[in-house]
C-alpha atoms as a PDB file:
ATOM      1  CA  MET A   1      54.975  89.113  61.220  1.00  0.00           C
ATOM      2  CA  LYS A   2      54.212  90.686  64.569  1.00  0.00           C
ATOM      3  CA  GLN A   3      51.672  86.768  64.890  1.00  0.00           C
ATOM      4  CA  PHE A   4      54.626  84.763  64.274  1.00  0.00           C
ATOM      5  CA  PHE A   5      56.991  86.225  67.135  1.00  0.00           C
ATOM      6  CA  ILE A   6      53.540  86.256  69.143  1.00  0.00           C
ATOM      7  CA  VAL A   7      53.253  82.249  68.752  1.00  0.00           C
ATOM      8  CA  LEU A   8      57.069  81.855  69.348  1.00  0.00           C
ATOM      9  CA  PHE A   9      56.811  83.837  72.706  1.00  0.00           C
ATOM     10  CA  ALA A  10      53.391  81.426  73.402  1.00  0.00           C
ATOM     11  CA  ILE A  11      55.859  78.492  72.627  1.00  0.00           C
ATOM     12  CA  PHE A  12      58.640  79.715  74.880  1.00  0.00           C
ATOM     13  CA  LEU A  13      56.534  80.303  77.759  1.00  0.00           C
ATOM     14  CA  SER A  14      54.818  76.829  77.448  1.00  0.00           C
ATOM     15  CA  GLY A  15      57.848  75.408  77.504  1.00  0.00           C
ATOM     16  CA  GLU A  16      58.921  76.958  80.523  1.00  0.00           C
ATOM     17  CA  SER A  17      56.138  76.102  81.939  1.00  0.00           C
ATOM     18  CA  MET A  18      56.244  72.356  81.258  1.00  0.00           C
ATOM     19  CA  GLN A  19      59.939  72.605  82.732  1.00  0.00           C
ATOM     20  CA  LYS A  20      58.517  73.874  85.777  1.00  0.00           C
ATOM     21  CA  ASP A  21      55.884  70.968  86.121  1.00  0.00           C
ATOM     22  CA  VAL A  22      58.660  68.411  85.758  1.00  0.00           C
ATOM     23  CA  ASP A  23      60.415  69.987  88.298  1.00  0.00           C
ATOM     24  CA  ALA A  24      57.332  70.086  90.369  1.00  0.00           C
ATOM     25  CA  ILE A  25      56.626  66.358  90.227  1.00  0.00           C
ATOM     26  CA  ILE A  26      60.207  65.357  90.525  1.00  0.00           C
ATOM     27  CA  ASP A  27      60.568  67.356  93.695  1.00  0.00           C
ATOM     28  CA  LYS A  28      57.332  65.772  94.892  1.00  0.00           C
ATOM     29  CA  VAL A  29      58.723  62.428  94.339  1.00  0.00           C
ATOM     30  CA  ILE A  30      62.144  63.749  96.165  1.00  0.00           C
ATOM     31  CA  HIS A  31      60.237  64.150  98.969  1.00  0.00           C
ATOM     32  CA  ASN A  32      58.370  60.874  99.099  1.00  0.00           C
ATOM     33  CA  GLU A  33      61.490  59.114  98.437  1.00  0.00           C
ATOM     34  CA  GLY A  34      63.196  60.848 101.344  1.00  0.00           C
ATOM     35  CA  GLY A  35      66.888  61.231 101.979  1.00  0.00           C
ATOM     36  CA  TYR A  36      69.655  58.857 102.880  1.00  0.00           C
ATOM     37  CA  ASN A  37      68.801  55.052 104.228  1.00  0.00           C
ATOM     38  CA  ASN A  38      70.485  51.808 104.331  1.00  0.00           C
ATOM     39  CA  ASP A  39      67.777  49.390 104.991  1.00  0.00           C
ATOM     40  CA  ALA A  40      68.732  45.991 105.088  1.00  0.00           C
ATOM     41  CA  LEU A  41      65.094  45.071 104.541  1.00  0.00           C
ATOM     42  CA  ASP A  42      64.660  47.368 101.258  1.00  0.00           C
ATOM     43  CA  MET A  43      64.738  45.699  98.332  1.00  0.00           C
ATOM     44  CA  GLY A  44      66.186  48.969  96.653  1.00  0.00           C
ATOM     45  CA  GLY A  45      68.877  48.485  99.142  1.00  0.00           C
ATOM     46  CA  GLU A  46      71.219  51.347 100.027  1.00  0.00           C
ATOM     47  CA  THR A  47      69.128  54.317  98.707  1.00  0.00           C
ATOM     48  CA  LYS A  48      69.299  58.580  98.733  1.00  0.00           C
ATOM     49  CA  TYR A  49      66.326  60.728  96.913  1.00  0.00           C
ATOM     50  CA  GLY A  50      64.979  56.954  95.800  1.00  0.00           C
ATOM     51  CA  ILE A  51      68.176  56.662  93.302  1.00  0.00           C
ATOM     52  CA  THR A  52      69.286  53.077  94.565  1.00  0.00           C
ATOM     53  CA  LYS A  53      73.136  51.483  94.386  1.00  0.00           C
ATOM     54  CA  ARG A  54      71.277  48.761  93.062  1.00  0.00           C
ATOM     55  CA  PHE A  55      70.999  50.413  89.739  1.00  0.00           C
ATOM     56  CA  TYR A  56      73.553  53.030  90.436  1.00  0.00           C
ATOM     57  CA  PRO A  57      76.433  50.700  91.553  1.00  0.00           C
ATOM     58  CA  HIS A  58      78.856  53.795  90.185  1.00  0.00           C
ATOM     59  CA  ILE A  59      77.669  56.370  92.466  1.00  0.00           C
ATOM     60  CA  ASN A  60      78.708  56.764  96.051  1.00  0.00           C
ATOM     61  CA  ILE A  61      74.693  57.007  97.048  1.00  0.00           C
ATOM     62  CA  GLU A  62      75.669  58.497 100.874  1.00  0.00           C
ATOM     63  CA  TYR A  63      76.933  61.853  99.136  1.00  0.00           C
ATOM     64  CA  LEU A  64      74.833  61.678  95.646  1.00  0.00           C
ATOM     65  CA  THR A  65      73.281  65.531  95.345  1.00  0.00           C
ATOM     66  CA  LEU A  66      69.852  66.508  95.370  1.00  0.00           C
ATOM     67  CA  GLU A  67      71.026  68.243  91.669  1.00  0.00           C
ATOM     68  CA  LYS A  68      72.498  65.006  90.347  1.00  0.00           C
ATOM     69  CA  ALA A  69      69.233  62.961  91.703  1.00  0.00           C
ATOM     70  CA  LYS A  70      66.988  65.460  89.711  1.00  0.00           C
ATOM     71  CA  GLN A  71      69.406  64.826  86.464  1.00  0.00           C
ATOM     72  CA  ILE A  72      69.276  60.809  86.699  1.00  0.00           C
ATOM     73  CA  TYR A  73      65.323  61.222  87.507  1.00  0.00           C
ATOM     74  CA  TYR A  74      64.787  63.178  84.034  1.00  0.00           C
ATOM     75  CA  GLU A  75      66.943  61.682  82.215  1.00  0.00           C
ATOM     76  CA  ASP A  76      66.419  58.304  82.813  1.00  0.00           C
ATOM     77  CA  TYR A  77      63.383  57.694  84.723  1.00  0.00           C
ATOM     78  CA  TRP A  78      61.059  60.895  83.018  1.00  0.00           C
ATOM     79  CA  LEU A  79      62.109  60.589  79.800  1.00  0.00           C
ATOM     80  CA  PRO A  80      62.144  57.041  79.126  1.00  0.00           C
ATOM     81  CA  ALA A  81      58.895  56.499  81.096  1.00  0.00           C
ATOM     82  CA  LYS A  82      57.377  59.125  78.543  1.00  0.00           C
ATOM     83  CA  VAL A  83      55.815  60.835  81.352  1.00  0.00           C
ATOM     84  CA  ASP A  84      55.504  63.878  79.568  1.00  0.00           C
ATOM     85  CA  LYS A  85      52.985  61.800  77.034  1.00  0.00           C
ATOM     86  CA  LEU A  86      50.438  61.040  79.386  1.00  0.00           C
ATOM     87  CA  PRO A  87      47.710  63.009  80.272  1.00  0.00           C
ATOM     88  CA  TYR A  88      48.372  65.916  83.003  1.00  0.00           C
ATOM     89  CA  ASN A  89      46.476  64.795  85.406  1.00  0.00           C
ATOM     90  CA  LEU A  90      48.295  60.969  86.184  1.00  0.00           C
ATOM     91  CA  ARG A  91      51.746  62.844  85.742  1.00  0.00           C
ATOM     92  CA  TYR A  92      52.782  62.314  89.085  1.00  0.00           C
ATOM     93  CA  ALA A  93      50.634  59.033  90.329  1.00  0.00           C
ATOM     94  CA  TYR A  94      52.483  57.348  87.221  1.00  0.00           C
ATOM     95  CA  PHE A  95      55.762  59.100  87.532  1.00  0.00           C
ATOM     96  CA  ASP A  96      56.037  58.344  91.088  1.00  0.00           C
ATOM     97  CA  CYS A  97      55.010  54.544  90.520  1.00  0.00           C
ATOM     98  CA  VAL A  98      57.814  54.819  87.934  1.00  0.00           C
ATOM     99  CA  ILE A  99      60.541  55.253  90.775  1.00  0.00           C
ATOM    100  CA  ASN A 100      59.288  53.118  93.323  1.00  0.00           C
ATOM    101  CA  THR A 101      58.176  50.260  91.298  1.00  0.00           C
ATOM    102  CA  GLY A 102      60.344  50.591  88.105  1.00  0.00           C
ATOM    103  CA  GLN A 103      59.188  51.520  84.786  1.00  0.00           C
ATOM    104  CA  LYS A 104      58.182  48.417  83.318  1.00  0.00           C
ATOM    105  CA  ARG A 105      56.078  47.323  86.576  1.00  0.00           C
ATOM    106  CA  SER A 106      54.174  50.752  86.160  1.00  0.00           C
ATOM    107  CA  VAL A 107      53.266  50.603  82.536  1.00  0.00           C
ATOM    108  CA  LYS A 108      51.489  47.385  83.420  1.00  0.00           C
ATOM    109  CA  ILE A 109      50.055  48.717  86.062  1.00  0.00           C
ATOM    110  CA  LEU A 110      49.103  51.494  83.911  1.00  0.00           C
ATOM    111  CA  GLN A 111      47.570  48.829  81.461  1.00  0.00           C
ATOM    112  CA  GLU A 112      45.890  46.562  83.614  1.00  0.00           C
ATOM    113  CA  ALA A 113      43.943  49.659  84.965  1.00  0.00           C
ATOM    114  CA  ILE A 114      43.204  51.219  82.105  1.00  0.00           C
ATOM    115  CA  ASN A 115      42.174  47.503  80.850  1.00  0.00           C
ATOM    116  CA  SER A 116      39.529  47.399  83.374  1.00  0.00           C
ATOM    117  CA  GLN A 117      37.478  49.923  82.004  1.00  0.00           C
ATOM    118  CA  SER A 118      37.822  49.186  78.347  1.00  0.00           C
ATOM    119  CA  VAL A 119      36.199  47.039  75.900  1.00  0.00           C
ATOM    120  CA  VAL A 120      39.365  46.380  73.784  1.00  0.00           C
ATOM    121  CA  GLN A 121      42.152  45.160  75.829  1.00  0.00           C
ATOM    122  CA  LEU A 122      46.203  45.989  75.660  1.00  0.00           C
ATOM    123  CA  LYS A 123      48.145  43.627  75.440  1.00  0.00           C
ATOM    124  CA  VAL A 124      49.827  43.787  79.713  1.00  0.00           C
ATOM    125  CA  ASP A 125      53.469  43.907  78.872  1.00  0.00           C
ATOM    126  CA  GLY A 126      54.773  46.701  80.600  1.00  0.00           C
ATOM    127  CA  VAL A 127      55.451  48.903  77.148  1.00  0.00           C
ATOM    128  CA  ILE A 128      54.708  51.931  76.927  1.00  0.00           C
ATOM    129  CA  GLY A 129      53.485  52.657  73.322  1.00  0.00           C
ATOM    130  CA  PRO A 130      50.933  54.704  71.308  1.00  0.00           C
ATOM    131  CA  LYS A 131      48.014  52.050  72.528  1.00  0.00           C
ATOM    132  CA  THR A 132      48.759  52.691  76.083  1.00  0.00           C
ATOM    133  CA  LEU A 133      49.380  56.137  75.178  1.00  0.00           C
ATOM    134  CA  LYS A 134      46.378  56.917  73.735  1.00  0.00           C
ATOM    135  CA  ALA A 135      43.815  54.553  76.025  1.00  0.00           C
ATOM    136  CA  ALA A 136      45.736  56.010  79.174  1.00  0.00           C
ATOM    137  CA  LYS A 137      43.635  59.684  78.060  1.00  0.00           C
ATOM    138  CA  SER A 138      40.630  58.398  79.539  1.00  0.00           C
ATOM    139  CA  LEU A 139      42.026  56.421  82.700  1.00  0.00           C
ATOM    140  CA  SER A 140      41.418  58.697  86.214  1.00  0.00           C
ATOM    141  CA  PRO A 141      44.464  58.517  88.726  1.00  0.00           C
ATOM    142  CA  LYS A 142      42.185  56.869  91.376  1.00  0.00           C
ATOM    143  CA  ARG A 143      41.587  53.767  89.381  1.00  0.00           C
ATOM    144  CA  PHE A 144      45.217  54.082  88.602  1.00  0.00           C
ATOM    145  CA  ALA A 145      46.105  54.220  92.404  1.00  0.00           C
ATOM    146  CA  ALA A 146      43.665  51.336  93.093  1.00  0.00           C
ATOM    147  CA  TYR A 147      45.881  49.321  90.933  1.00  0.00           C
ATOM    148  CA  ARG A 148      48.722  50.121  91.857  1.00  0.00           C
ATOM    149  CA  VAL A 149      48.173  49.463  95.645  1.00  0.00           C
ATOM    150  CA  ASP A 150      46.440  46.054  94.585  1.00  0.00           C
ATOM    151  CA  PHE A 151      50.448  45.393  93.330  1.00  0.00           C
ATOM    152  CA  TYR A 152      51.633  46.395  96.453  1.00  0.00           C
ATOM    153  CA  SER A 153      49.259  43.605  98.546  1.00  0.00           C
ATOM    154  CA  LYS A 154      50.614  41.009  96.034  1.00  0.00           C
ATOM    155  CA  LEU A 155      53.934  41.973  96.453  1.00  0.00           C
ATOM    156  CA  VAL A 156      53.509  41.836 100.357  1.00  0.00           C
ATOM    157  CA  ALA A 157      51.728  38.370 100.066  1.00  0.00           C
ATOM    158  CA  HIS A 158      54.385  37.025  98.054  1.00  0.00           C
ATOM    159  CA  LYS A 159      57.107  38.613  99.899  1.00  0.00           C
ATOM    160  CA  PRO A 160      55.747  38.740 103.339  1.00  0.00           C
ATOM    161  CA  GLU A 161      59.126  40.801 104.921  1.00  0.00           C
ATOM    162  CA  GLN A 162      57.703  43.675 102.943  1.00  0.00           C
ATOM    163  CA  LYS A 163      54.626  44.135 104.736  1.00  0.00           C
ATOM    164  CA  ARG A 164      56.717  46.484 107.023  1.00  0.00           C
ATOM    165  CA  PHE A 165      56.406  48.987 104.064  1.00  0.00           C
ATOM    166  CA  TYR A 166      52.909  48.163 102.945  1.00  0.00           C
ATOM    167  CA  TYR A 167      51.290  51.157 104.856  1.00  0.00           C
ATOM    168  CA  GLY A 168      54.030  54.119 103.538  1.00  0.00           C
ATOM    169  CA  TRP A 169      53.261  52.831 100.118  1.00  0.00           C
ATOM    170  CA  TRP A 170      49.261  53.177 100.397  1.00  0.00           C
ATOM    171  CA  LEU A 171      49.879  56.670 101.950  1.00  0.00           C
ATOM    172  CA  ARG A 172      51.662  57.360  99.435  1.00  0.00           C
ATOM    173  CA  THR A 173      50.196  56.117  96.285  1.00  0.00           C
ATOM    174  CA  LEU A 174      47.031  57.849  97.751  1.00  0.00           C
ATOM    175  CA  GLU A 175      49.276  61.130  98.288  1.00  0.00           C
ATOM    176  CA  THR A 176      49.270  61.161  94.457  1.00  0.00           C
ATOM    177  CA  ILE A 177      45.501  60.958  93.122  1.00  0.00           C
ATOM    178  CA  ASN A 178      45.137  64.632  93.441  1.00  0.00           C
ATOM    179  CA  GLY A 179      48.414  65.783  92.379  1.00  0.00           C
END
């Protein structure tokens, strides 16, 4: 019986520790996103804490609270993107990418990075399924960052008006490498 309670307590502590990790990563991403912004050239449009009017037209973005932003991050991004299923060393880089580029694009970047080092190629479909999750176990954050920067380079080549954001995206990506 004593062992049962020890195991139960250990599970409780690990769950509490995991939530602290989630909170820490969300806090870092919110720091990266910054506060209120309504730049006409920013593809996200009116934004606060990385939450955009484009995707949340029912929310008054200017008055969005930090607590509500964190709830949106967790429920609408963290859980659907299956961040907790990835190796710990990739979670911050991947989640930051999800918030900055969207889930489907982030998964495609992840899949392209995995394919660059694998004999067996994943389908680059933007779906975070069991094959992608399994293959991600051997992916380094540096390789993921390289493919993320590659995406931004291609984006700027296709949409030159976005070039003014490139340096910030590059710095942000580099910052995620070491968590």
